[in-house]
Amino acid sequence: MSWRVIAHGDQVWHVDAVAERRANTAAWQLVLSFRAASEPQPGRHRSFWTPYPLEATSKSSLFIQAERIPDTALSQLLAERLS
């Protein structure tokens, strides 16, 4: 199940959020996965990962902050990536 589902143009996208912590750092960073719900061409998978500018010292705190991200911000990030 996706964390969020957003529409962009005439396509539906599934968004998932994960926490990533790089070596020698104390902060967790939010990374988002965008995946098209339907594929425009058979065999071609439209998906990508992108970091989101949120950091926290705990995963739970990071995900609490992530819940406050408006769908419009996710749509804007998607539009920027697709253009």
C-alpha atoms as a PDB file:
ATOM      1  CA  MET A   1       0.000   0.000   0.000  1.00  0.00           C
ATOM      2  CA  SER A   2       1.267   3.445  -0.899  1.00  0.00           C
ATOM      3  CA  TRP A   3       1.906   6.184   1.597  1.00  0.00           C
ATOM      4  CA  ARG A   4       0.139   8.682  -0.691  1.00  0.00           C
ATOM      5  CA  VAL A   5      -1.603   8.638  -4.042  1.00  0.00           C
ATOM      6  CA  ILE A   6      -1.533  11.804  -6.129  1.00  0.00           C
ATOM      7  CA  ALA A   7      -2.777  12.778  -9.573  1.00  0.00           C
ATOM      8  CA  HIS A   8      -0.630  14.602 -12.074  1.00  0.00           C
ATOM      9  CA  GLY A   9      -2.201  15.447 -15.392  1.00  0.00           C
ATOM     10  CA  ASP A  10      -4.195  12.407 -16.440  1.00  0.00           C
ATOM     11  CA  GLN A  11      -2.012   9.933 -14.540  1.00  0.00           C
ATOM     12  CA  VAL A  12      -2.127   8.589 -10.984  1.00  0.00           C
ATOM     13  CA  TRP A  13       1.120   8.195  -9.034  1.00  0.00           C
ATOM     14  CA  HIS A  14       1.853   6.137  -5.917  1.00  0.00           C
ATOM     15  CA  VAL A  15       4.248   7.792  -3.477  1.00  0.00           C
ATOM     16  CA  ASP A  16       6.191   5.966  -0.756  1.00  0.00           C
ATOM     17  CA  ALA A  17       8.424   7.507   1.888  1.00  0.00           C
ATOM     18  CA  VAL A  18      11.542   5.949   3.389  1.00  0.00           C
ATOM     19  CA  ALA A  19      14.159   7.133   5.856  1.00  0.00           C
ATOM     20  CA  GLU A  20      17.817   6.995   4.870  1.00  0.00           C
ATOM     21  CA  ARG A  21      20.826   7.664   7.063  1.00  0.00           C
ATOM     22  CA  ARG A  22      24.236   7.989   5.511  1.00  0.00           C
ATOM     23  CA  ALA A  23      27.382   6.749   7.212  1.00  0.00           C
ATOM     24  CA  ASN A  24      28.861   9.010   9.882  1.00  0.00           C
ATOM     25  CA  THR A  25      25.746  11.189  10.171  1.00  0.00           C
ATOM     26  CA  ALA A  26      23.210  11.444  12.969  1.00  0.00           C
ATOM     27  CA  ALA A  27      20.305  12.679  10.860  1.00  0.00           C
ATOM     28  CA  TRP A  28      17.781  10.633   8.916  1.00  0.00           C
ATOM     29  CA  GLN A  29      16.788  12.057   5.531  1.00  0.00           C
ATOM     30  CA  LEU A  30      13.442  11.573   3.791  1.00  0.00           C
ATOM     31  CA  VAL A  31      13.553   9.895   0.384  1.00  0.00           C
ATOM     32  CA  LEU A  32      10.439   9.571  -1.770  1.00  0.00           C
ATOM     33  CA  SER A  33       9.591   6.953  -4.356  1.00  0.00           C
ATOM     34  CA  PHE A  34       7.208   7.915  -7.165  1.00  0.00           C
ATOM     35  CA  ARG A  35       5.655   5.130  -9.236  1.00  0.00           C
ATOM     36  CA  ALA A  36       3.118   5.531 -12.034  1.00  0.00           C
ATOM     37  CA  ALA A  37      -0.052   3.549 -11.278  1.00  0.00           C
ATOM     38  CA  SER A  38      -0.473   2.559 -14.930  1.00  0.00           C
ATOM     39  CA  GLU A  39       2.265   2.082 -17.439  1.00  0.00           C
ATOM     40  CA  PRO A  40       2.021   4.099 -20.683  1.00  0.00           C
ATOM     41  CA  GLN A  41       3.976   1.441 -22.608  1.00  0.00           C
ATOM     42  CA  PRO A  42       4.097  -2.290 -21.834  1.00  0.00           C
ATOM     43  CA  GLY A  43       7.359  -3.333 -20.216  1.00  0.00           C
ATOM     44  CA  ARG A  44       8.410   0.235 -19.417  1.00  0.00           C
ATOM     45  CA  HIS A  45       8.329   1.044 -15.722  1.00  0.00           C
ATOM     46  CA  ARG A  46       7.939   4.728 -14.816  1.00  0.00           C
ATOM     47  CA  SER A  47       9.336   5.227 -11.363  1.00  0.00           C
ATOM     48  CA  PHE A  48      12.077   7.149  -9.597  1.00  0.00           C
ATOM     49  CA  TRP A  49      13.511   7.939  -6.167  1.00  0.00           C
ATOM     50  CA  THR A  50      14.265  11.462  -5.026  1.00  0.00           C
ATOM     51  CA  PRO A  51      15.445  13.007  -1.746  1.00  0.00           C
ATOM     52  CA  TYR A  52      13.109  15.446  -0.016  1.00  0.00           C
ATOM     53  CA  PRO A  53      14.554  18.299   2.093  1.00  0.00           C
ATOM     54  CA  LEU A  54      13.543  16.949   5.509  1.00  0.00           C
ATOM     55  CA  GLU A  55      15.908  15.640   8.177  1.00  0.00           C
ATOM     56  CA  ALA A  56      15.452  14.471  11.765  1.00  0.00           C
ATOM     57  CA  THR A  57      17.445  12.673  14.436  1.00  0.00           C
ATOM     58  CA  SER A  58      14.890   9.853  14.638  1.00  0.00           C
ATOM     59  CA  LYS A  59      12.900   7.995  12.013  1.00  0.00           C
ATOM     60  CA  SER A  60       9.634   8.527  13.859  1.00  0.00           C
ATOM     61  CA  SER A  61      10.197  12.277  13.996  1.00  0.00           C
ATOM     62  CA  LEU A  62      11.031  12.284  10.289  1.00  0.00           C
ATOM     63  CA  PHE A  63       7.811  10.458   9.391  1.00  0.00           C
ATOM     64  CA  ILE A  64       5.754  12.786  11.615  1.00  0.00           C
ATOM     65  CA  GLN A  65       7.189  15.725   9.649  1.00  0.00           C
ATOM     66  CA  ALA A  66       6.552  13.904   6.368  1.00  0.00           C
ATOM     67  CA  GLU A  67       2.845  13.562   7.183  1.00  0.00           C
ATOM     68  CA  ARG A  68       2.642  17.366   7.079  1.00  0.00           C
ATOM     69  CA  ILE A  69       3.851  17.574   3.460  1.00  0.00           C
ATOM     70  CA  PRO A  70       0.890  18.781   1.389  1.00  0.00           C
ATOM     71  CA  ASP A  71      -0.082  16.864  -1.736  1.00  0.00           C
ATOM     72  CA  THR A  72       0.516  20.044  -3.730  1.00  0.00           C
ATOM     73  CA  ALA A  73       4.207  19.968  -2.743  1.00  0.00           C
ATOM     74  CA  LEU A  74       4.466  16.350  -3.885  1.00  0.00           C
ATOM     75  CA  SER A  75       2.731  17.211  -7.173  1.00  0.00           C
ATOM     76  CA  GLN A  76       5.137  20.103  -7.718  1.00  0.00           C
ATOM     77  CA  LEU A  77       8.148  17.866  -7.056  1.00  0.00           C
ATOM     78  CA  LEU A  78       6.755  15.314  -9.502  1.00  0.00           C
ATOM     79  CA  ALA A  79       6.141  17.970 -12.163  1.00  0.00           C
ATOM     80  CA  GLU A  80       9.699  19.283 -11.805  1.00  0.00           C
ATOM     81  CA  ARG A  81      11.130  15.791 -12.144  1.00  0.00           C
ATOM     82  CA  LEU A  82       9.031  14.952 -15.202  1.00  0.00           C
ATOM     83  CA  SER A  83       9.810  18.175 -17.084  1.00  0.00           C
END
